[in-house]
């Protein structure tokens, strides 16, 4: 049996145009409503979000800067 290669840690941000962002949000919303896996490619890496992921929204404020993050969290099962 082949072992899954360990993925390296990663923390990045990718900017999108308004149209690209809206398209991704629309696909995400459709996947969530249909209880289907959401697939997206970010900076060359394909990500597959399972339908049982935990969804949350985070708000950060630092001086004059504010940020809202829509987050999806899940655990990848070991094989």
C-alpha atoms as a PDB file:
ATOM      1  CA  UNK A   1       0.000   0.000   0.000  1.00  0.00           C
ATOM      2  CA  UNK A   2       1.328   3.441  -0.937  1.00  0.00           C
ATOM      3  CA  UNK A   3       1.663   5.952   1.880  1.00  0.00           C
ATOM      4  CA  UNK A   4       0.367   9.462   1.345  1.00  0.00           C
ATOM      5  CA  UNK A   5       3.178  11.993   1.013  1.00  0.00           C
ATOM      6  CA  UNK A   6       3.189  14.469   3.921  1.00  0.00           C
ATOM      7  CA  UNK A   7       2.224  17.942   2.793  1.00  0.00           C
ATOM      8  CA  UNK A   8       4.400  20.854   3.793  1.00  0.00           C
ATOM      9  CA  UNK A   9       2.981  23.606   5.964  1.00  0.00           C
ATOM     10  CA  UNK A  10       1.544  26.517   4.062  1.00  0.00           C
ATOM     11  CA  UNK A  11       0.192  29.979   4.890  1.00  0.00           C
ATOM     12  CA  UNK A  12      -0.459  32.326   1.993  1.00  0.00           C
ATOM     13  CA  UNK A  13      -2.889  34.869   0.688  1.00  0.00           C
ATOM     14  CA  UNK A  14      -4.001  35.065  -2.933  1.00  0.00           C
ATOM     15  CA  UNK A  15      -5.663  38.176  -4.352  1.00  0.00           C
ATOM     16  CA  UNK A  16      -8.502  37.812  -6.869  1.00  0.00           C
ATOM     17  CA  UNK A  17     -10.452  40.243  -9.012  1.00  0.00           C
ATOM     18  CA  UNK A  18     -13.986  41.002  -7.868  1.00  0.00           C
ATOM     19  CA  UNK A  19     -15.437  38.751 -10.597  1.00  0.00           C
ATOM     20  CA  UNK A  20     -13.118  35.843  -9.719  1.00  0.00           C
ATOM     21  CA  UNK A  21     -13.939  36.209  -6.011  1.00  0.00           C
ATOM     22  CA  UNK A  22     -17.690  36.305  -6.661  1.00  0.00           C
ATOM     23  CA  UNK A  23     -17.448  33.222  -8.900  1.00  0.00           C
ATOM     24  CA  UNK A  24     -15.564  31.292  -6.192  1.00  0.00           C
ATOM     25  CA  UNK A  25     -18.023  32.352  -3.473  1.00  0.00           C
ATOM     26  CA  UNK A  26     -20.943  31.303  -5.675  1.00  0.00           C
ATOM     27  CA  UNK A  27     -19.390  27.858  -6.318  1.00  0.00           C
ATOM     28  CA  UNK A  28     -18.662  27.504  -2.589  1.00  0.00           C
ATOM     29  CA  UNK A  29     -22.244  28.416  -1.635  1.00  0.00           C
ATOM     30  CA  UNK A  30     -23.633  25.953  -4.180  1.00  0.00           C
ATOM     31  CA  UNK A  31     -21.380  23.171  -2.834  1.00  0.00           C
ATOM     32  CA  UNK A  32     -22.382  23.874   0.774  1.00  0.00           C
ATOM     33  CA  UNK A  33     -26.098  23.891  -0.065  1.00  0.00           C
ATOM     34  CA  UNK A  34     -25.797  20.642  -2.008  1.00  0.00           C
ATOM     35  CA  UNK A  35     -23.619  19.046   0.706  1.00  0.00           C
ATOM     36  CA  UNK A  36     -20.938  18.367  -1.913  1.00  0.00           C
ATOM     37  CA  UNK A  37     -17.161  18.581  -1.800  1.00  0.00           C
ATOM     38  CA  UNK A  38     -15.775  21.999  -2.798  1.00  0.00           C
ATOM     39  CA  UNK A  39     -12.687  21.932  -5.014  1.00  0.00           C
ATOM     40  CA  UNK A  40     -10.449  24.945  -5.607  1.00  0.00           C
ATOM     41  CA  UNK A  41      -6.923  25.568  -6.826  1.00  0.00           C
ATOM     42  CA  UNK A  42      -4.916  28.187  -4.930  1.00  0.00           C
ATOM     43  CA  UNK A  43      -1.440  29.227  -6.082  1.00  0.00           C
ATOM     44  CA  UNK A  44      -0.979  25.968  -7.993  1.00  0.00           C
ATOM     45  CA  UNK A  45      -2.212  23.576  -5.286  1.00  0.00           C
ATOM     46  CA  UNK A  46      -5.516  21.750  -5.597  1.00  0.00           C
ATOM     47  CA  UNK A  47      -7.587  21.791  -2.409  1.00  0.00           C
ATOM     48  CA  UNK A  48     -10.613  19.599  -1.744  1.00  0.00           C
ATOM     49  CA  UNK A  49     -12.903  20.730   1.076  1.00  0.00           C
ATOM     50  CA  UNK A  50     -15.168  17.965   2.394  1.00  0.00           C
ATOM     51  CA  UNK A  51     -18.874  18.675   2.900  1.00  0.00           C
ATOM     52  CA  UNK A  52     -18.502  18.140   6.667  1.00  0.00           C
ATOM     53  CA  UNK A  53     -15.949  20.961   7.064  1.00  0.00           C
ATOM     54  CA  UNK A  54     -16.516  23.503   9.828  1.00  0.00           C
ATOM     55  CA  UNK A  55     -17.316  26.983   8.519  1.00  0.00           C
ATOM     56  CA  UNK A  56     -16.643  30.163  10.474  1.00  0.00           C
ATOM     57  CA  UNK A  57     -16.126  33.868   9.944  1.00  0.00           C
ATOM     58  CA  UNK A  58     -13.300  35.734  11.651  1.00  0.00           C
ATOM     59  CA  UNK A  59     -12.975  39.504  12.138  1.00  0.00           C
ATOM     60  CA  UNK A  60      -9.663  41.148  12.995  1.00  0.00           C
ATOM     61  CA  UNK A  61      -8.899  44.784  13.772  1.00  0.00           C
ATOM     62  CA  UNK A  62      -5.441  46.326  14.172  1.00  0.00           C
ATOM     63  CA  UNK A  63      -5.347  50.110  14.295  1.00  0.00           C
ATOM     64  CA  UNK A  64      -6.936  51.387  11.077  1.00  0.00           C
ATOM     65  CA  UNK A  65      -6.811  47.972   9.400  1.00  0.00           C
ATOM     66  CA  UNK A  66      -9.735  45.555   9.452  1.00  0.00           C
ATOM     67  CA  UNK A  67     -10.028  42.073   8.007  1.00  0.00           C
ATOM     68  CA  UNK A  68     -12.792  39.505   7.594  1.00  0.00           C
ATOM     69  CA  UNK A  69     -11.877  35.899   6.824  1.00  0.00           C
ATOM     70  CA  UNK A  70     -14.325  33.242   5.710  1.00  0.00           C
ATOM     71  CA  UNK A  71     -12.750  30.009   6.942  1.00  0.00           C
ATOM     72  CA  UNK A  72     -13.275  26.314   6.322  1.00  0.00           C
ATOM     73  CA  UNK A  73     -11.560  23.825   8.632  1.00  0.00           C
ATOM     74  CA  UNK A  74     -11.311  20.051   8.453  1.00  0.00           C
ATOM     75  CA  UNK A  75      -9.013  17.200   9.370  1.00  0.00           C
ATOM     76  CA  UNK A  76      -7.471  15.103   6.596  1.00  0.00           C
ATOM     77  CA  UNK A  77      -7.750  11.434   7.619  1.00  0.00           C
ATOM     78  CA  UNK A  78      -4.549   9.416   7.661  1.00  0.00           C
ATOM     79  CA  UNK A  79      -4.279   6.455   5.337  1.00  0.00           C
END
